[in-house]
């Protein structure tokens, strides 16, 4: 079985998602948004996209990978 890709070319291709922006974000669209896909092969992953390009690509993280990323910050 092949592994799922860890990105999608257009975040609009992710079904049933509600994108969330950090409460620290200003109105300038200068941060990232996150969403948890509720259907399809991406269930259980966290999608992250650039708020300046909402139709652009999204990177997908597992919960442990996202946690390690945040810890490293």
C-alpha atoms as a PDB file:
ATOM      1  CA  UNK A   1       0.000   0.000   0.000  1.00  0.00           C
ATOM      2  CA  UNK A   2       1.355   3.414  -0.903  1.00  0.00           C
ATOM      3  CA  UNK A   3       1.460   6.298   1.554  1.00  0.00           C
ATOM      4  CA  UNK A   4      -0.827   9.257   1.064  1.00  0.00           C
ATOM      5  CA  UNK A   5       0.759  12.450  -0.202  1.00  0.00           C
ATOM      6  CA  UNK A   6       1.523  14.929   2.575  1.00  0.00           C
ATOM      7  CA  UNK A   7       0.269  17.881   0.571  1.00  0.00           C
ATOM      8  CA  UNK A   8      -2.603  18.793  -1.704  1.00  0.00           C
ATOM      9  CA  UNK A   9      -2.103  21.144  -4.657  1.00  0.00           C
ATOM     10  CA  UNK A  10      -5.240  23.169  -3.842  1.00  0.00           C
ATOM     11  CA  UNK A  11      -6.590  23.442  -0.310  1.00  0.00           C
ATOM     12  CA  UNK A  12     -10.047  23.859  -1.852  1.00  0.00           C
ATOM     13  CA  UNK A  13      -9.804  20.159  -2.824  1.00  0.00           C
ATOM     14  CA  UNK A  14     -10.145  19.180   0.842  1.00  0.00           C
ATOM     15  CA  UNK A  15     -13.805  18.372   1.503  1.00  0.00           C
ATOM     16  CA  UNK A  16     -15.714  19.250   4.666  1.00  0.00           C
ATOM     17  CA  UNK A  17     -13.124  21.504   6.278  1.00  0.00           C
ATOM     18  CA  UNK A  18     -13.497  24.629   8.368  1.00  0.00           C
ATOM     19  CA  UNK A  19     -10.311  26.690   8.265  1.00  0.00           C
ATOM     20  CA  UNK A  20      -9.229  28.347  11.509  1.00  0.00           C
ATOM     21  CA  UNK A  21      -6.897  31.302  11.831  1.00  0.00           C
ATOM     22  CA  UNK A  22      -4.822  32.129  14.871  1.00  0.00           C
ATOM     23  CA  UNK A  23      -6.368  34.577  17.310  1.00  0.00           C
ATOM     24  CA  UNK A  24      -3.013  36.413  17.117  1.00  0.00           C
ATOM     25  CA  UNK A  25      -3.525  37.077  13.409  1.00  0.00           C
ATOM     26  CA  UNK A  26      -4.092  40.608  12.258  1.00  0.00           C
ATOM     27  CA  UNK A  27      -6.431  41.510   9.440  1.00  0.00           C
ATOM     28  CA  UNK A  28      -3.446  41.550   7.083  1.00  0.00           C
ATOM     29  CA  UNK A  29      -3.677  37.819   6.202  1.00  0.00           C
ATOM     30  CA  UNK A  30      -0.115  37.231   7.364  1.00  0.00           C
ATOM     31  CA  UNK A  31      -0.327  33.843   9.046  1.00  0.00           C
ATOM     32  CA  UNK A  32      -1.323  30.250   8.502  1.00  0.00           C
ATOM     33  CA  UNK A  33      -4.706  28.590   8.817  1.00  0.00           C
ATOM     34  CA  UNK A  34      -5.373  25.058   9.993  1.00  0.00           C
ATOM     35  CA  UNK A  35      -8.205  22.595   9.429  1.00  0.00           C
ATOM     36  CA  UNK A  36      -9.030  18.977  10.204  1.00  0.00           C
ATOM     37  CA  UNK A  37     -10.489  17.144   7.192  1.00  0.00           C
ATOM     38  CA  UNK A  38     -13.642  15.275   8.208  1.00  0.00           C
ATOM     39  CA  UNK A  39     -13.893  12.950   5.230  1.00  0.00           C
ATOM     40  CA  UNK A  40     -11.770  11.334   2.574  1.00  0.00           C
ATOM     41  CA  UNK A  41      -8.306   9.828   2.969  1.00  0.00           C
ATOM     42  CA  UNK A  42      -7.078  12.817   5.012  1.00  0.00           C
ATOM     43  CA  UNK A  43      -9.201  12.132   8.121  1.00  0.00           C
ATOM     44  CA  UNK A  44      -6.972  12.303  11.203  1.00  0.00           C
ATOM     45  CA  UNK A  45      -4.474  14.698   9.641  1.00  0.00           C
ATOM     46  CA  UNK A  46      -4.090  18.431  10.149  1.00  0.00           C
ATOM     47  CA  UNK A  47      -4.067  20.606   7.041  1.00  0.00           C
ATOM     48  CA  UNK A  48      -2.101  23.871   7.076  1.00  0.00           C
ATOM     49  CA  UNK A  49      -2.281  26.589   4.426  1.00  0.00           C
ATOM     50  CA  UNK A  50      -1.053  30.148   3.876  1.00  0.00           C
ATOM     51  CA  UNK A  51      -3.805  32.651   4.672  1.00  0.00           C
ATOM     52  CA  UNK A  52      -2.583  34.885   1.825  1.00  0.00           C
ATOM     53  CA  UNK A  53      -3.399  32.130  -0.693  1.00  0.00           C
ATOM     54  CA  UNK A  54      -6.533  30.314   0.493  1.00  0.00           C
ATOM     55  CA  UNK A  55      -6.954  28.422  -2.776  1.00  0.00           C
ATOM     56  CA  UNK A  56      -3.287  27.401  -2.806  1.00  0.00           C
ATOM     57  CA  UNK A  57      -1.650  24.236  -1.546  1.00  0.00           C
ATOM     58  CA  UNK A  58      -1.998  22.758   1.918  1.00  0.00           C
ATOM     59  CA  UNK A  59       0.532  20.674   3.819  1.00  0.00           C
ATOM     60  CA  UNK A  60      -0.781  17.727   5.848  1.00  0.00           C
ATOM     61  CA  UNK A  61       0.595  16.708   9.248  1.00  0.00           C
ATOM     62  CA  UNK A  62      -0.144  13.830  11.575  1.00  0.00           C
ATOM     63  CA  UNK A  63      -0.950  14.911  15.149  1.00  0.00           C
ATOM     64  CA  UNK A  64       2.449  13.759  16.502  1.00  0.00           C
ATOM     65  CA  UNK A  65       4.322  15.511  13.665  1.00  0.00           C
ATOM     66  CA  UNK A  66       2.446  18.769  14.233  1.00  0.00           C
ATOM     67  CA  UNK A  67       3.147  18.546  17.964  1.00  0.00           C
ATOM     68  CA  UNK A  68       6.877  18.060  17.335  1.00  0.00           C
ATOM     69  CA  UNK A  69       6.861  21.006  14.930  1.00  0.00           C
ATOM     70  CA  UNK A  70       5.221  23.294  17.498  1.00  0.00           C
ATOM     71  CA  UNK A  71       7.576  22.115  20.226  1.00  0.00           C
ATOM     72  CA  UNK A  72      10.554  22.906  17.999  1.00  0.00           C
ATOM     73  CA  UNK A  73       9.311  26.451  17.496  1.00  0.00           C
END
